[in-house]
Amino acid sequence: DNCAIINAGNMQAKASLIRALEMDGDLAEARCGLASVIWESERDYRTAESEFRRALAMNPGSEVCHRQYAEFLTQVGRFEESLTEIRRAFEIDPLSLVTNTVKGWLFYQARQHERAARQLRDTLELDLNFPIAHEVLGQVCQQQGNHADAVAELEKAVELSKNTPLYLASLAHGYALTGKTERAQEILA
């Protein structure tokens, strides 16, 4: 069962992060990682937010902590705060491909599709071979009703990632939206 495997991995990650913090309680990135595990696995949003805030108090210059906190804030529906945090991460490292992509994803989640597309295209100007930016841009194009561009972006994500299952599933969905259901079913099989 995939859920059991994921949960076991998350519990192992949590135990490792707690051990790291027991050895050195000032490791902001470890605290941030712990916050992410608590949020994503346990859905304990109050504790997760507390851990994110502690991590940022320890190291306000952590691009990773600001980015992960921004993702958390988006998932709990606090888009404006999320955009503030991603801007902080971006100020710290404007060339981070992950932060640039997450910024586009946050705009997408906030249903600001034009801004999302613009941000993701800017990200791809930094590195045309960054698969997750292509995948998220494909999702944005789908929401904009531009299915041909969506499929092209998703095909690129699959190619660059060497057939990552998540990207394959997105591509199958893209094909289904364009009426190529046979091709979608081949991918899913």
C-alpha atoms as a PDB file:
ATOM      1  CA  ASP A   1       0.000   0.000   0.000  1.00  0.00           C
ATOM      2  CA  ASN A   2       1.566   3.303  -1.135  1.00  0.00           C
ATOM      3  CA  CYS A   3       0.017   5.276   1.749  1.00  0.00           C
ATOM      4  CA  ALA A   4       1.644   2.965   4.292  1.00  0.00           C
ATOM      5  CA  ILE A   5       5.021   3.356   2.577  1.00  0.00           C
ATOM      6  CA  ILE A   6       4.689   7.147   2.484  1.00  0.00           C
ATOM      7  CA  ASN A   7       3.585   7.293   6.132  1.00  0.00           C
ATOM      8  CA  ALA A   8       6.498   5.082   7.190  1.00  0.00           C
ATOM      9  CA  GLY A   9       8.900   7.336   5.289  1.00  0.00           C
ATOM     10  CA  ASN A  10       7.418  10.434   6.868  1.00  0.00           C
ATOM     11  CA  MET A  11       7.656   8.945  10.347  1.00  0.00           C
ATOM     12  CA  GLN A  12      11.280   8.048   9.692  1.00  0.00           C
ATOM     13  CA  ALA A  13      11.953  11.591   8.443  1.00  0.00           C
ATOM     14  CA  LYS A  14      10.245  13.059  11.506  1.00  0.00           C
ATOM     15  CA  ALA A  15      12.334  10.888  13.850  1.00  0.00           C
ATOM     16  CA  SER A  16      15.541  11.949  12.061  1.00  0.00           C
ATOM     17  CA  LEU A  17      14.604  15.634  12.234  1.00  0.00           C
ATOM     18  CA  ILE A  18      13.785  15.376  15.932  1.00  0.00           C
ATOM     19  CA  ARG A  19      17.159  13.674  16.582  1.00  0.00           C
ATOM     20  CA  ALA A  20      18.940  16.456  14.659  1.00  0.00           C
ATOM     21  CA  LEU A  21      17.133  19.088  16.724  1.00  0.00           C
ATOM     22  CA  GLU A  22      17.992  17.265  19.952  1.00  0.00           C
ATOM     23  CA  MET A  23      21.661  17.498  18.958  1.00  0.00           C
ATOM     24  CA  ASP A  24      21.385  21.139  17.866  1.00  0.00           C
ATOM     25  CA  GLY A  25      18.127  22.957  18.525  1.00  0.00           C
ATOM     26  CA  ASP A  26      19.258  25.921  16.431  1.00  0.00           C
ATOM     27  CA  LEU A  27      19.053  24.146  13.063  1.00  0.00           C
ATOM     28  CA  ALA A  28      16.422  26.265  11.331  1.00  0.00           C
ATOM     29  CA  GLU A  29      16.212  24.062   8.234  1.00  0.00           C
ATOM     30  CA  ALA A  30      15.682  20.941  10.378  1.00  0.00           C
ATOM     31  CA  ARG A  31      12.894  22.727  12.256  1.00  0.00           C
ATOM     32  CA  CYS A  32      11.417  23.820   8.933  1.00  0.00           C
ATOM     33  CA  GLY A  33      11.598  20.226   7.674  1.00  0.00           C
ATOM     34  CA  LEU A  34       9.854  19.056  10.838  1.00  0.00           C
ATOM     35  CA  ALA A  35       7.126  21.645  10.271  1.00  0.00           C
ATOM     36  CA  SER A  36       6.632  20.322   6.736  1.00  0.00           C
ATOM     37  CA  VAL A  37       6.350  16.716   7.906  1.00  0.00           C
ATOM     38  CA  ILE A  38       3.879  17.690  10.645  1.00  0.00           C
ATOM     39  CA  TRP A  39       1.793  19.666   8.143  1.00  0.00           C
ATOM     40  CA  GLU A  40       1.853  17.196   5.264  1.00  0.00           C
ATOM     41  CA  SER A  41       1.621  13.925   7.191  1.00  0.00           C
ATOM     42  CA  GLU A  42      -0.196  14.728  10.385  1.00  0.00           C
ATOM     43  CA  ARG A  43      -2.285  17.688   9.235  1.00  0.00           C
ATOM     44  CA  ASP A  44      -1.516  19.383  12.553  1.00  0.00           C
ATOM     45  CA  TYR A  45      -1.569  22.897  11.151  1.00  0.00           C
ATOM     46  CA  ARG A  46      -1.229  24.716  14.475  1.00  0.00           C
ATOM     47  CA  THR A  47       1.958  22.852  15.436  1.00  0.00           C
ATOM     48  CA  ALA A  48       3.328  23.091  11.907  1.00  0.00           C
ATOM     49  CA  GLU A  49       2.857  26.841  11.819  1.00  0.00           C
ATOM     50  CA  SER A  50       4.485  27.193  15.218  1.00  0.00           C
ATOM     51  CA  GLU A  51       7.509  25.232  13.965  1.00  0.00           C
ATOM     52  CA  PHE A  52       7.720  27.318  10.775  1.00  0.00           C
ATOM     53  CA  ARG A  53       7.659  30.517  12.826  1.00  0.00           C
ATOM     54  CA  ARG A  54      10.345  29.185  15.177  1.00  0.00           C
ATOM     55  CA  ALA A  55      12.533  28.235  12.207  1.00  0.00           C
ATOM     56  CA  LEU A  56      12.165  31.692  10.681  1.00  0.00           C
ATOM     57  CA  ALA A  57      12.913  33.358  14.018  1.00  0.00           C
ATOM     58  CA  MET A  58      16.123  31.309  14.181  1.00  0.00           C
ATOM     59  CA  ASN A  59      17.141  32.103  10.631  1.00  0.00           C
ATOM     60  CA  PRO A  60      15.147  34.872   8.928  1.00  0.00           C
ATOM     61  CA  GLY A  61      17.550  34.627   5.992  1.00  0.00           C
ATOM     62  CA  SER A  62      16.567  31.066   5.090  1.00  0.00           C
ATOM     63  CA  GLU A  63      15.187  30.994   1.567  1.00  0.00           C
ATOM     64  CA  VAL A  64      14.073  27.383   2.106  1.00  0.00           C
ATOM     65  CA  CYS A  65      12.089  28.183   5.262  1.00  0.00           C
ATOM     66  CA  HIS A  66      10.330  31.178   3.689  1.00  0.00           C
ATOM     67  CA  ARG A  67       9.486  29.080   0.610  1.00  0.00           C
ATOM     68  CA  GLN A  68       8.144  26.126   2.576  1.00  0.00           C
ATOM     69  CA  TYR A  69       6.164  28.407   4.871  1.00  0.00           C
ATOM     70  CA  ALA A  70       4.692  30.085   1.769  1.00  0.00           C
ATOM     71  CA  GLU A  71       3.583  26.678   0.475  1.00  0.00           C
ATOM     72  CA  PHE A  72       2.006  25.892   3.837  1.00  0.00           C
ATOM     73  CA  LEU A  73       0.154  29.229   3.917  1.00  0.00           C
ATOM     74  CA  THR A  74      -1.226  28.578   0.438  1.00  0.00           C
ATOM     75  CA  GLN A  75      -2.494  25.157   1.441  1.00  0.00           C
ATOM     76  CA  VAL A  76      -4.397  26.646   4.387  1.00  0.00           C
ATOM     77  CA  GLY A  77      -5.902  29.339   2.144  1.00  0.00           C
ATOM     78  CA  ARG A  78      -3.873  32.335   3.318  1.00  0.00           C
ATOM     79  CA  PHE A  79      -2.793  33.509  -0.122  1.00  0.00           C
ATOM     80  CA  GLU A  80      -1.757  37.080   0.672  1.00  0.00           C
ATOM     81  CA  GLU A  81       0.509  35.938   3.503  1.00  0.00           C
ATOM     82  CA  SER A  82       1.837  33.216   1.241  1.00  0.00           C
ATOM     83  CA  LEU A  83       2.785  35.714  -1.443  1.00  0.00           C
ATOM     84  CA  THR A  84       4.576  37.835   1.171  1.00  0.00           C
ATOM     85  CA  GLU A  85       6.637  34.812   2.247  1.00  0.00           C
ATOM     86  CA  ILE A  86       7.509  33.767  -1.300  1.00  0.00           C
ATOM     87  CA  ARG A  87       8.607  37.334  -2.041  1.00  0.00           C
ATOM     88  CA  ARG A  88      10.951  37.108   0.950  1.00  0.00           C
ATOM     89  CA  ALA A  89      12.360  33.809  -0.321  1.00  0.00           C
ATOM     90  CA  PHE A  90      12.763  35.341  -3.771  1.00  0.00           C
ATOM     91  CA  GLU A  91      14.605  38.367  -2.340  1.00  0.00           C
ATOM     92  CA  ILE A  92      17.055  36.015  -0.618  1.00  0.00           C
ATOM     93  CA  ASP A  93      17.706  33.914  -3.730  1.00  0.00           C
ATOM     94  CA  PRO A  94      16.160  35.301  -6.925  1.00  0.00           C
ATOM     95  CA  LEU A  95      17.892  32.642  -9.038  1.00  0.00           C
ATOM     96  CA  SER A  96      16.544  29.609  -7.161  1.00  0.00           C
ATOM     97  CA  LEU A  97      14.670  27.527  -9.710  1.00  0.00           C
ATOM     98  CA  VAL A  98      12.592  25.926  -6.968  1.00  0.00           C
ATOM     99  CA  THR A  99      11.565  29.254  -5.438  1.00  0.00           C
ATOM    100  CA  ASN A 100      10.769  30.691  -8.860  1.00  0.00           C
ATOM    101  CA  THR A 101       8.633  27.666  -9.696  1.00  0.00           C
ATOM    102  CA  VAL A 102       6.885  27.692  -6.328  1.00  0.00           C
ATOM    103  CA  LYS A 103       6.115  31.381  -6.834  1.00  0.00           C
ATOM    104  CA  GLY A 104       4.354  30.454 -10.095  1.00  0.00           C
ATOM    105  CA  TRP A 105       2.566  27.560  -8.375  1.00  0.00           C
ATOM    106  CA  LEU A 106       1.348  29.911  -5.621  1.00  0.00           C
ATOM    107  CA  PHE A 107      -0.119  32.283  -8.208  1.00  0.00           C
ATOM    108  CA  TYR A 108      -1.774  29.256  -9.813  1.00  0.00           C
ATOM    109  CA  GLN A 109      -3.236  28.173  -6.472  1.00  0.00           C
ATOM    110  CA  ALA A 110      -4.534  31.719  -5.925  1.00  0.00           C
ATOM    111  CA  ARG A 111      -6.194  31.468  -9.369  1.00  0.00           C
ATOM    112  CA  GLN A 112      -4.003  34.228 -10.760  1.00  0.00           C
ATOM    113  CA  HIS A 113      -3.292  32.292 -13.936  1.00  0.00           C
ATOM    114  CA  GLU A 114      -1.760  35.097 -16.001  1.00  0.00           C
ATOM    115  CA  ARG A 115       0.725  35.908 -13.241  1.00  0.00           C
ATOM    116  CA  ALA A 116       1.449  32.203 -12.802  1.00  0.00           C
ATOM    117  CA  ALA A 117       2.158  31.714 -16.505  1.00  0.00           C
ATOM    118  CA  ARG A 118       4.394  34.782 -16.620  1.00  0.00           C
ATOM    119  CA  GLN A 119       6.340  33.664 -13.543  1.00  0.00           C
ATOM    120  CA  LEU A 120       6.807  30.130 -14.863  1.00  0.00           C
ATOM    121  CA  ARG A 121       7.983  31.387 -18.248  1.00  0.00           C
ATOM    122  CA  ASP A 122      10.472  33.622 -16.415  1.00  0.00           C
ATOM    123  CA  THR A 123      11.636  30.558 -14.497  1.00  0.00           C
ATOM    124  CA  LEU A 124      12.156  28.660 -17.731  1.00  0.00           C
ATOM    125  CA  GLU A 125      14.263  31.533 -19.019  1.00  0.00           C
ATOM    126  CA  LEU A 126      16.622  30.731 -16.140  1.00  0.00           C
ATOM    127  CA  ASP A 127      16.723  27.048 -17.099  1.00  0.00           C
ATOM    128  CA  LEU A 128      14.711  25.660 -19.982  1.00  0.00           C
ATOM    129  CA  ASN A 129      15.349  22.130 -18.719  1.00  0.00           C
ATOM    130  CA  PHE A 130      13.657  22.403 -15.309  1.00  0.00           C
ATOM    131  CA  PRO A 131      10.860  19.810 -15.550  1.00  0.00           C
ATOM    132  CA  ILE A 132       8.647  20.906 -12.669  1.00  0.00           C
ATOM    133  CA  ALA A 133       8.308  24.405 -14.143  1.00  0.00           C
ATOM    134  CA  HIS A 134       7.083  22.827 -17.391  1.00  0.00           C
ATOM    135  CA  GLU A 135       4.642  20.631 -15.466  1.00  0.00           C
ATOM    136  CA  VAL A 136       3.148  23.509 -13.467  1.00  0.00           C
ATOM    137  CA  LEU A 137       2.994  25.692 -16.592  1.00  0.00           C
ATOM    138  CA  GLY A 138       1.128  22.834 -18.282  1.00  0.00           C
ATOM    139  CA  GLN A 139      -1.446  22.888 -15.488  1.00  0.00           C
ATOM    140  CA  VAL A 140      -1.761  26.663 -15.793  1.00  0.00           C
ATOM    141  CA  CYS A 141      -2.286  26.387 -19.565  1.00  0.00           C
ATOM    142  CA  GLN A 142      -5.027  23.819 -18.938  1.00  0.00           C
ATOM    143  CA  GLN A 143      -6.818  26.210 -16.602  1.00  0.00           C
ATOM    144  CA  GLN A 144      -6.565  28.917 -19.241  1.00  0.00           C
ATOM    145  CA  GLY A 145      -8.149  26.567 -21.793  1.00  0.00           C
ATOM    146  CA  ASN A 146      -4.977  26.401 -23.875  1.00  0.00           C
ATOM    147  CA  HIS A 147      -4.822  22.618 -24.143  1.00  0.00           C
ATOM    148  CA  ALA A 148      -2.346  22.409 -27.010  1.00  0.00           C
ATOM    149  CA  ASP A 149       0.252  24.430 -25.084  1.00  0.00           C
ATOM    150  CA  ALA A 150      -0.582  22.459 -21.938  1.00  0.00           C
ATOM    151  CA  VAL A 151       0.180  19.150 -23.652  1.00  0.00           C
ATOM    152  CA  ALA A 152       3.416  20.538 -25.107  1.00  0.00           C
ATOM    153  CA  GLU A 153       4.558  21.663 -21.641  1.00  0.00           C
ATOM    154  CA  LEU A 154       3.556  18.381 -20.039  1.00  0.00           C
ATOM    155  CA  GLU A 155       5.332  16.369 -22.742  1.00  0.00           C
ATOM    156  CA  LYS A 156       8.467  18.403 -22.056  1.00  0.00           C
ATOM    157  CA  ALA A 157       8.150  17.752 -18.306  1.00  0.00           C
ATOM    158  CA  VAL A 158       7.832  14.006 -18.916  1.00  0.00           C
ATOM    159  CA  GLU A 159      10.791  13.987 -21.300  1.00  0.00           C
ATOM    160  CA  LEU A 160      13.069  16.010 -19.012  1.00  0.00           C
ATOM    161  CA  SER A 161      12.107  14.033 -15.904  1.00  0.00           C
ATOM    162  CA  LYS A 162      12.568  10.696 -17.651  1.00  0.00           C
ATOM    163  CA  ASN A 163       8.946   9.632 -17.170  1.00  0.00           C
ATOM    164  CA  THR A 164       8.213  10.710 -13.603  1.00  0.00           C
ATOM    165  CA  PRO A 165       4.820   9.116 -12.759  1.00  0.00           C
ATOM    166  CA  LEU A 166       3.253  12.368 -11.512  1.00  0.00           C
ATOM    167  CA  TYR A 167       4.130  14.099 -14.779  1.00  0.00           C
ATOM    168  CA  LEU A 168       2.893  11.131 -16.795  1.00  0.00           C
ATOM    169  CA  ALA A 169      -0.450  11.356 -14.985  1.00  0.00           C
ATOM    170  CA  SER A 170      -0.646  15.077 -15.756  1.00  0.00           C
ATOM    171  CA  LEU A 171       0.150  14.370 -19.395  1.00  0.00           C
ATOM    172  CA  ALA A 172      -2.552  11.691 -19.569  1.00  0.00           C
ATOM    173  CA  HIS A 173      -5.014  14.210 -18.173  1.00  0.00           C
ATOM    174  CA  GLY A 174      -3.871  16.728 -20.778  1.00  0.00           C
ATOM    175  CA  TYR A 175      -4.419  14.240 -23.586  1.00  0.00           C
ATOM    176  CA  ALA A 176      -7.867  13.393 -22.231  1.00  0.00           C
ATOM    177  CA  LEU A 177      -8.810  17.080 -22.259  1.00  0.00           C
ATOM    178  CA  THR A 178      -7.819  17.319 -25.931  1.00  0.00           C
ATOM    179  CA  GLY A 179      -9.944  14.279 -26.825  1.00  0.00           C
ATOM    180  CA  LYS A 180      -6.981  11.911 -27.205  1.00  0.00           C
ATOM    181  CA  THR A 181      -8.442   9.450 -24.743  1.00  0.00           C
ATOM    182  CA  GLU A 182      -6.748   6.430 -26.304  1.00  0.00           C
ATOM    183  CA  ARG A 183      -3.345   8.041 -25.806  1.00  0.00           C
ATOM    184  CA  ALA A 184      -4.319   9.028 -22.235  1.00  0.00           C
ATOM    185  CA  GLN A 185      -5.307   5.447 -21.440  1.00  0.00           C
ATOM    186  CA  GLU A 186      -2.028   4.114 -22.897  1.00  0.00           C
ATOM    187  CA  ILE A 187      -0.077   6.361 -20.553  1.00  0.00           C
ATOM    188  CA  LEU A 188      -2.164   5.418 -17.541  1.00  0.00           C
ATOM    189  CA  ALA A 189      -1.757   1.727 -18.327  1.00  0.00           C
END
